[in-house]
Amino acid sequence: MFHFLQKHIQEIINPTDDEFEIIQSFFVKKKFRKRQFLIQEHQPVHEIFLIEKGILKSSIIDSSGKEHILQFAASNWWISDFAGFFKQETSSLAVDCIEDSEVYALSYEDLNLLCRKVPVMEHFFRVKSNFGYVALQQRILSLMSKTAKERYEDFIKQYPGFTDHIPKQLIASYLGVSRETLSRLYS
């Protein structure tokens, strides 16, 4: 059951079998249905999620009702409202499933306890955080300096195969373009 989790962790660190027994005891495997929320805006954020199967998104709805997508995430990616999670505040983002999904959930309290019990996990989470910072910086720079066509090409490279699984309206929202503009880029 935890083979996926073990493989994911071993991409960065190599815990002993005893350490992995401790590590896996902190994660809870959960299943969610398409359109089901893991986190809703303005609610406490109790968990971060490692995705084993499915596609999820984090987004915010502005005052005019328009959805802005911050992140898509699929197998081997982490997702949450990280600001709400690490600051232990209510969320500004919602996280929901684009497809039926299976995730490993880790609570804030368990994350801290896990890192105390298995110190090498501090390194694991630092590396994962660094990768997240880099991806966020690249996304912001892309929105600031690239054309819609360049952003779409980057999307195709970063999320291969996603165009078959994600509605075009959501891709347009992620790219910061209208559905019509995306249709022109698609053809």
Protein backbone atom coordinates (compact mmCIF):
# COMPACT_ATOMS: atom_id res chain seq x y z
CA MET A 1 0.00 0.00 0.00
CA PHE A 2 2.82 2.42 0.78
CA HIS A 3 5.09 1.40 -2.12
CA PHE A 4 4.31 4.65 -3.98
CA LEU A 5 5.12 6.73 -0.89
CA GLN A 6 8.39 4.87 -0.31
CA LYS A 7 9.47 5.31 -3.94
CA HIS A 8 8.60 9.02 -3.81
CA ILE A 9 10.64 9.59 -0.66
CA GLN A 10 13.58 7.57 -1.99
CA GLU A 11 13.91 10.00 -4.89
CA ILE A 12 15.54 12.37 -2.37
CA ILE A 13 16.56 10.40 0.73
CA ASN A 14 17.17 6.75 1.54
CA PRO A 15 15.57 5.97 4.91
CA THR A 16 16.19 2.65 6.60
CA ASP A 17 13.36 0.12 6.75
CA ASP A 18 12.79 1.05 10.40
CA GLU A 19 12.68 4.76 9.51
CA PHE A 20 10.23 4.10 6.70
CA GLU A 21 7.95 2.20 9.09
CA ILE A 22 7.82 5.36 11.19
CA ILE A 23 7.41 7.63 8.15
CA GLN A 24 4.47 5.73 6.69
CA SER A 25 2.68 5.70 10.04
CA PHE A 26 2.23 9.49 9.75
CA PHE A 27 0.54 9.45 6.33
CA VAL A 28 -3.14 8.73 5.75
CA LYS A 29 -4.24 7.49 2.33
CA LYS A 30 -7.43 9.19 1.15
CA LYS A 31 -9.64 8.94 -1.92
CA PHE A 32 -11.56 11.85 -3.42
CA ARG A 33 -14.09 12.08 -6.22
CA LYS A 34 -14.00 14.39 -9.21
CA ARG A 35 -15.01 17.94 -8.13
CA GLN A 36 -14.58 17.09 -4.44
CA PHE A 37 -12.73 19.67 -2.34
CA LEU A 38 -9.74 18.80 -0.18
CA ILE A 39 -9.52 22.41 1.00
CA GLN A 40 -12.09 25.19 0.71
CA GLU A 41 -11.38 28.92 0.82
CA HIS A 42 -11.54 30.55 4.26
CA GLN A 43 -11.33 27.21 6.09
CA PRO A 44 -8.51 25.95 8.33
CA VAL A 45 -5.77 24.11 6.43
CA HIS A 46 -4.89 20.95 8.32
CA GLU A 47 -3.04 18.88 5.71
CA ILE A 48 -0.68 18.78 2.76
CA PHE A 49 -1.21 16.12 0.11
CA LEU A 50 1.06 13.92 -1.99
CA ILE A 51 -0.86 12.78 -5.06
CA GLU A 52 -0.63 9.16 -6.07
CA LYS A 53 -3.38 9.19 -8.71
CA GLY A 54 -5.54 11.83 -10.35
CA ILE A 55 -5.27 15.52 -11.18
CA LEU A 56 -6.01 18.34 -8.74
CA LYS A 57 -5.92 22.11 -8.87
CA SER A 58 -5.47 24.96 -6.44
CA SER A 59 -7.37 28.13 -7.25
CA ILE A 60 -9.04 31.26 -5.99
CA ILE A 61 -12.26 32.91 -7.10
CA ASP A 62 -12.05 36.71 -7.31
CA SER A 63 -14.78 39.18 -6.32
CA SER A 64 -16.25 39.09 -9.85
CA GLY A 65 -16.57 35.28 -9.71
CA LYS A 66 -13.64 34.53 -12.03
CA GLU A 67 -11.48 31.53 -11.13
CA HIS A 68 -7.68 31.95 -11.12
CA ILE A 69 -5.70 28.71 -11.06
CA LEU A 70 -2.38 28.75 -9.25
CA GLN A 71 -1.39 25.12 -9.73
CA PHE A 72 -2.31 21.84 -11.34
CA ALA A 73 -0.88 18.74 -9.67
CA ALA A 74 -0.77 15.07 -10.65
CA SER A 75 0.98 11.91 -9.52
CA ASN A 76 4.17 12.54 -7.52
CA TRP A 77 3.29 16.21 -6.87
CA TRP A 78 2.36 17.88 -3.59
CA ILE A 79 -0.58 20.25 -3.22
CA SER A 80 -2.21 22.33 -0.50
CA ASP A 81 -2.72 25.94 0.44
CA PHE A 82 0.85 26.05 1.67
CA ALA A 83 0.58 29.53 3.21
CA GLY A 84 -2.46 28.48 5.22
CA PHE A 85 -0.83 25.19 6.17
CA PHE A 86 2.57 26.46 7.30
CA LYS A 87 1.19 29.60 8.97
CA GLN A 88 -1.73 27.62 10.42
CA GLU A 89 -4.22 30.15 9.11
CA THR A 90 -7.39 29.82 7.09
CA SER A 91 -6.96 29.17 3.40
CA SER A 92 -7.00 31.74 0.65
CA LEU A 93 -7.04 28.96 -1.96
CA ALA A 94 -9.32 26.05 -2.68
CA VAL A 95 -7.96 22.65 -3.68
CA ASP A 96 -10.24 20.29 -5.58
CA CYS A 97 -10.13 17.26 -7.85
CA ILE A 98 -10.34 17.45 -11.62
CA GLU A 99 -10.44 13.64 -11.67
CA ASP A 100 -11.06 10.95 -9.08
CA SER A 101 -7.89 11.04 -6.99
CA GLU A 102 -5.90 9.17 -4.37
CA VAL A 103 -3.56 11.07 -2.08
CA TYR A 104 -1.40 10.67 0.99
CA ALA A 105 -2.34 13.29 3.59
CA LEU A 106 0.00 14.61 6.26
CA SER A 107 -1.19 16.93 9.02
CA TYR A 108 0.74 19.92 10.31
CA GLU A 109 1.24 18.32 13.72
CA ASP A 110 2.34 15.02 12.18
CA LEU A 111 4.76 16.76 9.82
CA ASN A 112 6.54 18.35 12.76
CA LEU A 113 6.51 15.16 14.81
CA LEU A 114 7.73 13.11 11.85
CA CYS A 115 10.70 15.45 11.34
CA ARG A 116 11.60 15.13 15.03
CA LYS A 117 11.35 11.32 14.96
CA VAL A 118 13.09 10.86 11.58
CA PRO A 119 15.43 13.86 11.18
CA VAL A 120 16.37 12.98 7.58
CA MET A 121 12.79 13.95 6.64
CA GLU A 122 13.72 17.59 7.35
CA HIS A 123 16.08 17.34 4.38
CA PHE A 124 13.38 15.71 2.25
CA PHE A 125 10.87 18.49 2.95
CA ARG A 126 13.49 21.23 2.49
CA VAL A 127 14.34 19.88 -0.97
CA LYS A 128 10.64 19.60 -1.87
CA SER A 129 10.04 23.18 -0.66
CA ASN A 130 12.98 24.43 -2.71
CA PHE A 131 11.58 22.75 -5.84
CA GLY A 132 8.24 24.42 -5.10
CA TYR A 133 9.85 27.86 -4.75
CA VAL A 134 11.65 27.41 -8.07
CA ALA A 135 8.45 26.33 -9.86
CA LEU A 136 6.53 29.28 -8.41
CA GLN A 137 9.24 31.74 -9.46
CA GLN A 138 9.25 30.31 -12.98
CA ARG A 139 5.46 30.58 -13.14
CA ILE A 140 5.45 34.22 -12.01
CA LEU A 141 8.22 35.18 -14.45
CA SER A 142 6.35 33.40 -17.24
CA LEU A 143 3.15 35.34 -16.52
CA MET A 144 5.13 38.59 -16.42
CA SER A 145 7.32 38.19 -19.47
CA LYS A 146 6.03 35.58 -21.92
CA THR A 147 3.39 35.70 -24.59
CA ALA A 148 0.25 33.59 -24.33
CA LYS A 149 1.67 31.24 -26.96
CA GLU A 150 4.93 30.82 -25.03
CA ARG A 151 3.00 30.17 -21.79
CA TYR A 152 0.90 27.54 -23.59
CA GLU A 153 4.05 25.86 -24.95
CA ASP A 154 5.54 25.87 -21.42
CA PHE A 155 2.30 24.34 -20.11
CA ILE A 156 2.51 21.50 -22.65
CA LYS A 157 6.12 20.79 -21.57
CA GLN A 158 5.45 21.03 -17.83
CA TYR A 159 2.19 19.05 -17.92
CA PRO A 160 2.54 16.51 -20.75
CA GLY A 161 -0.75 14.81 -21.54
CA PHE A 162 -2.81 17.14 -19.33
CA THR A 163 -4.62 18.71 -22.28
CA ASP A 164 -6.51 15.41 -22.67
CA HIS A 165 -7.63 15.43 -19.01
CA ILE A 166 -8.20 19.08 -18.11
CA PRO A 167 -11.09 21.14 -19.52
CA LYS A 168 -9.85 23.89 -21.83
CA GLN A 169 -11.55 26.56 -19.69
CA LEU A 170 -9.31 25.55 -16.74
CA ILE A 171 -6.18 25.61 -18.90
CA ALA A 172 -7.13 29.09 -20.12
CA SER A 173 -7.58 30.25 -16.53
CA TYR A 174 -4.16 28.84 -15.57
CA LEU A 175 -2.52 30.59 -18.53
CA GLY A 176 -4.29 33.87 -17.83
CA VAL A 177 -6.01 33.97 -21.22
CA SER A 178 -9.59 33.76 -22.45
CA ARG A 179 -11.07 30.50 -23.69
CA GLU A 180 -11.15 32.01 -27.17
CA THR A 181 -7.45 32.89 -27.09
CA LEU A 182 -6.64 29.36 -25.95
CA SER A 183 -8.68 27.94 -28.85
CA ARG A 184 -6.56 29.97 -31.29
CA LEU A 185 -3.36 28.67 -29.64
CA TYR A 186 -4.71 25.10 -29.74
CA SER A 187 -5.26 25.02 -33.48
